[in-house]
Amino acid sequence: MNRFLIIDGLNLVRRIHAAQPDENDVNGLPERVTSACRKLMAKHQPTHVALVWDGDAISWRKQLYQDYKKGRKPMPTALSDALPNLKEHLAQRGFHSIDANAEADDVIATLASKTVKAKGEALIISTDKGFTQLLGPGISLWDYFNQRQITIEDREQQLGVDRSQFIDYLAMAGDSGNKIPGIPGIGPKSACELLKTFRTLANVYASLDKIGAKQAKKLEAGRPMARLSYKLVQLQTDIPLNTRLANFRAEQPTQA
């Protein structure tokens, strides 16, 4: 059975780079990233491996909502300039890349979903908990830096809702890390309480007459933002991929 190791490239590299005291020092980065990839290969024994990278195009999420990910610290210039050589260095050692048109997240989600449909297993290497919406039979998420699996149960405990409610919860409460707005005036606590009572976002809006007038007014006013946030949070699993799985068959990494 195929096991596809799908590495969130910038998630891995930026955290490895951030551990260096000088953000302009990228000289040792290729070997440090290569070492991390080799450790992942040794631990998980995949049949296929790929690093997926963000592209330069404006993402559909940014086009839909201009403030998406607004205020995030930009990538250090030295790191950005070093990426082409880093990718080439990795490819020469058996770790090939996929460059997304815009965001890597949807490409990663598509790769994982297609792998499972083809009766394989997908292991996503990332600390981005947004991937927990994909978790289920055949798809798992691994935190390289803490050497642990990120589980659905972890996410349920963190958010205080059931796995089937992740997207509905974020549509209401928002996601500050990605600047996803949610419904103004409806925070995490209120979102949890509403979902415990009504189970789904659709049921919440079908039951406004059973909710206190003040909160119902916020929900009604925030309906467009809830709809927008739901779209922003949801990963796409059908992005066109102009590549074949065979291109990422795991090689015995070279020492060159």
Protein backbone atom coordinates (compact mmCIF):
# COMPACT_ATOMS: atom_id res chain seq x y z
CA MET A 1 0.00 0.00 0.00
CA ASN A 2 1.23 3.49 -0.85
CA ARG A 3 2.12 5.80 2.02
CA PHE A 4 2.54 9.42 0.94
CA LEU A 5 4.60 11.72 3.18
CA ILE A 6 3.33 15.23 2.36
CA ILE A 7 5.52 17.92 3.88
CA ASP A 8 4.23 21.47 4.37
CA GLY A 9 7.43 23.05 3.02
CA LEU A 10 7.32 26.55 4.47
CA ASN A 11 5.89 25.34 7.77
CA LEU A 12 8.94 23.11 8.20
CA VAL A 13 11.56 25.47 6.79
CA ARG A 14 10.43 28.67 8.50
CA ARG A 15 10.45 27.01 11.90
CA ILE A 16 13.87 25.47 11.32
CA HIS A 17 15.17 28.85 10.13
CA ALA A 18 13.56 30.71 13.04
CA ALA A 19 15.65 28.65 15.46
CA GLN A 20 18.79 30.31 14.05
CA PRO A 21 19.91 33.44 15.94
CA ASP A 22 20.60 35.42 12.73
CA GLU A 23 17.68 35.54 10.28
CA ASN A 24 20.10 36.45 7.49
CA ASP A 25 22.15 33.29 8.01
CA VAL A 26 20.88 30.64 5.62
CA ASN A 27 24.19 28.88 4.95
CA GLY A 28 23.46 25.82 7.05
CA LEU A 29 19.77 25.67 6.22
CA PRO A 30 19.88 23.17 3.31
CA GLU A 31 21.61 20.53 5.41
CA ARG A 32 19.36 21.15 8.40
CA VAL A 33 16.22 20.76 6.27
CA THR A 34 17.68 17.71 4.52
CA SER A 35 18.44 16.17 7.92
CA ALA A 36 14.83 16.77 9.02
CA CYS A 37 13.51 15.12 5.85
CA ARG A 38 15.78 12.10 6.33
CA LYS A 39 14.58 11.72 9.92
CA LEU A 40 10.97 11.84 8.73
CA MET A 41 11.71 9.20 6.11
CA ALA A 42 13.39 6.93 8.64
CA LYS A 43 10.53 7.25 11.11
CA HIS A 44 7.56 6.92 8.78
CA GLN A 45 8.95 4.75 5.95
CA PRO A 46 6.83 6.24 3.13
CA THR A 47 6.61 4.94 -0.41
CA HIS A 48 6.27 8.51 -1.74
CA VAL A 49 7.38 11.92 -0.46
CA ALA A 50 6.90 15.53 -1.58
CA LEU A 51 7.40 19.01 -0.17
CA VAL A 52 4.59 21.41 -1.05
CA TRP A 53 5.31 25.14 -1.21
CA ASP A 54 3.20 28.29 -1.36
CA GLY A 55 3.21 30.08 -4.70
CA ASP A 56 3.31 33.81 -5.49
CA ALA A 57 -0.20 34.22 -6.87
CA ILE A 58 -2.91 35.88 -4.80
CA SER A 59 -4.94 33.08 -3.25
CA TRP A 60 -8.66 32.72 -3.83
CA ARG A 61 -9.10 33.33 -0.09
CA LYS A 62 -7.31 36.67 -0.31
CA GLN A 63 -9.42 37.59 -3.32
CA LEU A 64 -12.55 36.68 -1.37
CA TYR A 65 -11.49 38.49 1.82
CA GLN A 66 -8.75 41.11 1.57
CA ASP A 67 -7.78 40.90 5.26
CA TYR A 68 -7.09 37.15 5.12
CA LYS A 69 -3.76 36.48 6.93
CA LYS A 70 -3.29 40.25 7.22
CA GLY A 71 -0.51 41.33 9.56
CA ARG A 72 1.49 38.12 9.42
CA LYS A 73 5.23 38.62 9.76
CA PRO A 74 6.72 38.48 6.25
CA MET A 75 9.32 35.89 5.39
CA PRO A 76 12.88 37.17 5.92
CA THR A 77 14.31 38.28 2.59
CA ALA A 78 17.39 36.09 3.02
CA LEU A 79 15.18 33.03 3.43
CA SER A 80 12.95 33.93 0.49
CA ASP A 81 16.00 34.40 -1.73
CA ALA A 82 17.44 31.07 -0.58
CA LEU A 83 14.36 28.96 -1.39
CA PRO A 84 15.17 28.12 -5.06
CA ASN A 85 18.61 26.77 -4.12
CA LEU A 86 17.13 24.96 -1.13
CA LYS A 87 14.58 23.18 -3.34
CA GLU A 88 17.30 22.18 -5.79
CA HIS A 89 19.48 20.91 -2.94
CA LEU A 90 16.59 18.79 -1.65
CA ALA A 91 15.72 17.45 -5.11
CA GLN A 92 19.30 16.32 -5.63
CA ARG A 93 18.94 14.29 -2.45
CA GLY A 94 15.67 12.63 -3.40
CA PHE A 95 13.15 15.11 -1.91
CA HIS A 96 11.11 16.64 -4.74
CA SER A 97 8.79 19.63 -4.57
CA ILE A 98 5.35 20.71 -5.70
CA ASP A 99 4.87 24.47 -6.07
CA ALA A 100 1.31 25.57 -5.48
CA ASN A 101 -0.07 28.38 -7.58
CA ALA A 102 -0.96 30.23 -4.38
CA GLU A 103 -1.50 28.50 -1.03
CA ALA A 104 0.02 25.12 -0.31
CA ASP A 105 -2.85 24.13 2.02
CA ASP A 106 -5.35 23.20 -0.69
CA VAL A 107 -2.73 21.30 -2.68
CA ILE A 108 -1.78 19.34 0.44
CA ALA A 109 -5.47 18.63 1.13
CA THR A 110 -5.97 17.48 -2.48
CA LEU A 111 -2.91 15.21 -2.41
CA ALA A 112 -4.03 13.63 0.87
CA SER A 113 -7.59 13.10 -0.35
CA LYS A 114 -6.52 11.61 -3.68
CA THR A 115 -4.10 9.27 -1.89
CA VAL A 116 -6.89 7.92 0.30
CA LYS A 117 -9.25 7.53 -2.67
CA ALA A 118 -6.51 5.44 -4.29
CA LYS A 119 -6.52 3.17 -1.18
CA GLY A 120 -3.29 4.64 0.20
CA GLU A 121 -2.28 6.46 3.37
CA ALA A 122 -1.36 10.14 3.64
CA LEU A 123 0.77 11.60 6.42
CA ILE A 124 0.84 15.41 6.50
CA ILE A 125 3.89 16.97 8.16
CA SER A 126 2.82 20.32 9.57
CA THR A 127 2.02 22.14 12.80
CA ASP A 128 -0.98 23.80 11.10
CA LYS A 129 -4.00 22.53 13.01
CA GLY A 130 -6.27 23.55 10.14
CA PHE A 131 -5.42 20.18 8.59
CA THR A 132 -7.30 18.41 11.39
CA GLN A 133 -10.50 18.84 9.35
CA LEU A 134 -9.05 16.23 6.98
CA LEU A 135 -8.19 13.64 9.61
CA GLY A 136 -9.87 10.27 9.40
CA PRO A 137 -9.15 6.81 8.03
CA GLY A 138 -6.00 7.05 5.94
CA ILE A 139 -5.01 10.67 6.77
CA SER A 140 -2.90 11.66 9.78
CA LEU A 141 -0.99 14.77 10.88
CA TRP A 142 2.51 14.79 12.39
CA ASP A 143 4.23 17.61 14.30
CA TYR A 144 7.95 17.19 13.49
CA PHE A 145 9.09 19.68 16.13
CA ASN A 146 7.33 18.04 19.05
CA GLN A 147 7.63 14.55 17.57
CA ARG A 148 3.98 13.75 18.07
CA GLN A 149 0.82 13.08 16.14
CA ILE A 150 -1.80 15.83 16.16
CA THR A 151 -5.11 14.07 16.61
CA ILE A 152 -8.77 14.87 16.19
CA GLU A 153 -9.09 14.40 19.95
CA ASP A 154 -6.46 17.11 20.53
CA ARG A 155 -8.42 19.51 18.36
CA GLU A 156 -11.74 18.62 19.98
CA GLN A 157 -10.27 19.36 23.40
CA GLN A 158 -8.70 22.61 22.20
CA LEU A 159 -11.86 23.98 20.61
CA GLY A 160 -14.40 22.37 22.90
CA VAL A 161 -16.53 20.99 20.07
CA ASP A 162 -17.01 17.70 18.25
CA ARG A 163 -14.97 16.86 15.13
CA SER A 164 -17.99 17.30 12.89
CA GLN A 165 -18.32 20.88 14.14
CA PHE A 166 -14.80 22.22 13.48
CA ILE A 167 -15.69 24.29 10.42
CA ASP A 168 -19.01 25.49 11.86
CA TYR A 169 -17.21 26.57 15.04
CA LEU A 170 -14.55 28.57 13.15
CA ALA A 171 -17.21 30.11 10.93
CA MET A 172 -18.74 31.59 14.07
CA ALA A 173 -15.74 32.18 16.35
CA GLY A 174 -13.23 33.04 13.62
CA ASP A 175 -9.55 32.18 13.52
CA SER A 176 -7.25 34.96 14.74
CA GLY A 177 -4.12 33.27 13.34
CA ASN A 178 -5.41 33.53 9.78
CA LYS A 179 -7.48 36.67 10.38
CA ILE A 180 -10.69 34.82 9.55
CA PRO A 181 -13.37 37.12 10.99
CA GLY A 182 -16.17 34.88 12.22
CA ILE A 183 -19.32 36.57 13.50
CA PRO A 184 -18.75 39.90 15.30
CA GLY A 185 -19.75 39.53 18.94
CA ILE A 186 -19.77 35.71 18.88
CA GLY A 187 -16.61 34.44 20.54
CA PRO A 188 -15.31 30.93 21.24
CA LYS A 189 -17.47 30.42 24.34
CA SER A 190 -20.69 31.47 22.62
CA ALA A 191 -19.87 29.39 19.54
CA CYS A 192 -19.33 26.30 21.71
CA GLU A 193 -22.57 26.82 23.62
CA LEU A 194 -24.57 27.33 20.43
CA LEU A 195 -23.14 24.20 18.79
CA LYS A 196 -23.74 22.10 21.91
CA THR A 197 -27.39 23.13 21.79
CA PHE A 198 -28.08 23.20 18.05
CA ARG A 199 -25.27 20.92 16.71
CA THR A 200 -24.70 22.72 13.37
CA LEU A 201 -24.38 26.25 12.02
CA ALA A 202 -27.39 25.64 9.77
CA ASN A 203 -29.47 24.62 12.79
CA VAL A 204 -28.34 27.74 14.66
CA TYR A 205 -29.68 29.94 11.89
CA ALA A 206 -32.86 27.89 11.62
CA SER A 207 -33.45 28.43 15.35
CA LEU A 208 -32.91 32.16 15.86
CA ASP A 209 -36.38 32.41 17.41
CA LYS A 210 -35.19 30.08 20.20
CA ILE A 211 -32.11 32.16 20.99
CA GLY A 212 -31.97 35.26 23.16
CA ALA A 213 -32.87 38.44 21.31
CA LYS A 214 -29.46 40.11 21.78
CA GLN A 215 -27.49 37.10 20.56
CA ALA A 216 -29.96 36.38 17.76
CA LYS A 217 -29.49 39.95 16.51
CA LYS A 218 -25.69 39.44 16.38
CA LEU A 219 -26.13 36.17 14.54
CA GLU A 220 -28.49 37.67 11.99
CA ALA A 221 -26.25 40.68 11.40
CA GLY A 222 -23.25 38.39 11.10
CA ARG A 223 -24.80 35.90 8.70
CA PRO A 224 -22.75 37.12 5.67
CA MET A 225 -19.52 36.92 7.69
CA ALA A 226 -20.39 33.42 8.88
CA ARG A 227 -20.93 32.33 5.29
CA LEU A 228 -17.65 33.98 4.23
CA SER A 229 -15.68 32.50 7.14
CA TYR A 230 -17.04 29.03 6.42
CA LYS A 231 -15.65 29.25 2.89
CA LEU A 232 -12.28 30.59 4.06
CA VAL A 233 -11.77 27.85 6.64
CA GLN A 234 -12.72 24.92 4.45
CA LEU A 235 -9.84 23.23 2.63
CA GLN A 236 -10.34 22.40 -1.03
CA THR A 237 -9.65 18.80 -1.94
CA ASP A 238 -10.08 19.00 -5.71
CA ILE A 239 -7.33 21.36 -6.87
CA PRO A 240 -6.08 20.39 -10.38
CA LEU A 241 -2.65 18.78 -10.04
CA ASN A 242 -0.50 18.59 -13.14
CA THR A 243 1.65 15.81 -11.79
CA ARG A 244 1.67 12.08 -11.13
CA LEU A 245 2.24 10.16 -7.92
CA ALA A 246 5.04 8.22 -9.62
CA ASN A 247 7.09 11.43 -9.75
CA PHE A 248 7.38 11.36 -5.96
CA ARG A 249 8.31 7.77 -5.31
CA ALA A 250 10.61 7.69 -2.31
CA GLU A 251 14.21 7.14 -3.27
CA GLN A 252 17.06 6.12 -1.04
CA PRO A 253 18.20 9.69 -0.23
CA THR A 254 21.69 10.36 -1.53
CA GLN A 255 24.51 11.75 0.59
CA ALA A 256 25.76 14.01 -2.23
